[in-house]
């Protein structure tokens, strides 16, 4: 029994020895190469034999996509591939000794890595240092470190020409601790047409990538005087304006057109001020929408904000002028004529410019006074019931040229004013009072109208039987009712004020229309085109300077 146990133990020992020998024979070449390279390797020391030698790091950037530019927080988010390459003099081998192995992939934490840092890092969840999993080792000592990363970098956003703006965002890379006497950075694409690789670039829906330029800077830190080189990629992007034109600018232009309608609404409609205020509130809503898109800064005002402020100002002025026009339209009911200068400017000069003609007598026919509705101007003699007889009465009034007679009376009073100051005071009092204000005059005029047809020549001797009846002469001036004459003069004053209000309304319409068109062309067409031309010239100059280096 004991002999049997010894035999089993002997067989196990023999098998263990054989397996150990077999395992030493079957070690892979890459494992053997890796163990040989890592033997005595120190990853904390710069991989150069001579300490005075400057280690050159080649930096390559592949831009895949511009994900977003947050204007409010001024953060640019990009998806990039970063490749860095350098020569490690401690990681070289002869491929003939390792079955012609020319390259090997090892964990990045086992070899020396440059402390490349993005200086304008804006990611709260990242330290700013490059973090790759593996590196590629070549037999000649070249180490390639590919790092796919989603960068969040700070970008100074200039909103002066928003939404017709161009932005320049930078990606600045360099060593955090090594100065220029230890490490120097060079771009891999210096000899090609573009400093970045755009073969896999995906277009952004909001921004167009116009160009990418490379700048190499030498900076000094406050801690030490040694120069610290870095490489800076400048991304020039331009905003796509279709979204803002369709959702903001076009509605604003339509609201401006609605504001024009306030000048065409008659003052009696009561909707002039309501429409203006409604448009003003709509502009305020668009102003809040834009304020949410742009950063809260006091350095500049966006172009679209200036346009909205201009149209909101004009809308506010339109509401103010609508109140003034309504006031002028209703001033005629106070039976006070408009000042001579106002009549001259509105009914003569501005009417000629606007090609407006005023027939005050025609407009006066359509005026209906409140006193007239209440029966203040009632004459039994001329109480016609048909429209034809009313027209006949107005024809008689026109025959007498009451308007011309009224103007002549005003001219006489003006001459009297020049002669005596007292007459001027009396005239001012007369303008403040309605015509035929004395009820005795009105009753007397009505009495005269009522008795004018009752007066007939009497003949006590009855001689009229033999005499032929007298035929009224058609050539004499027809007799006109004084009550209706006073009423018509009041209507002329009301019609005069209404025509002044209509002229001012028409002038304001054209002023607002021309101001709206001029502001639209200047702010949304001329200024953006000037900005685009300036940026295009600068891009062309930078492109020529880059290729001339």
Foldseek 3Di string as FASTA:
>chain_A
DVVVVVVVVVVVVVVVVVVVVVVVVPDALLVVLVVVLLVVADAVDQQDPDQQDAWEKAKAKAWQEFDDQQQAQQKTKTWIKIKIKTFRPSNADDCVVRVNDFKDKDFPVSHHDFQKFWPQADDPVDPRTFDAGIWMAGNRRMIMTMGTDITIGGFDDDQAAPPFDKGKGKTKMFGDPDFRSHYDYHYPCLPDLASHHHPNYDDDPFKDFDHKDKDKDWDADPVDGGTTIMMMIITIITTDCPVCCVPPVVVLVVLLVQLLCLLVDALVVVCSLVSLVVSLVVLVVSLVVVPVRHHPDDPHDHLVNVLSVLSSVLSVVSNVLSVVLSVLLPPLLQQFFDDPVLCCVQVPVLCVVVVHDDDLLVQLVPDDHPCVVVPVLDAPLQPDDDPVSVVVQSVLVVVVPLVVVVVVVVVVLVVVCVVDVVSVVVVVVVSSHAPPPDVVVSVVLSVCSVCVVVDDDDDPVPPVVPPDDDDDDPPDRDDHRPSVSSSSSSSSRSSSSNSSSSSVSVVSSVVSVVSSVVSCCVSVPVVSVVVVVVVVVVVVVSSVVSVVD
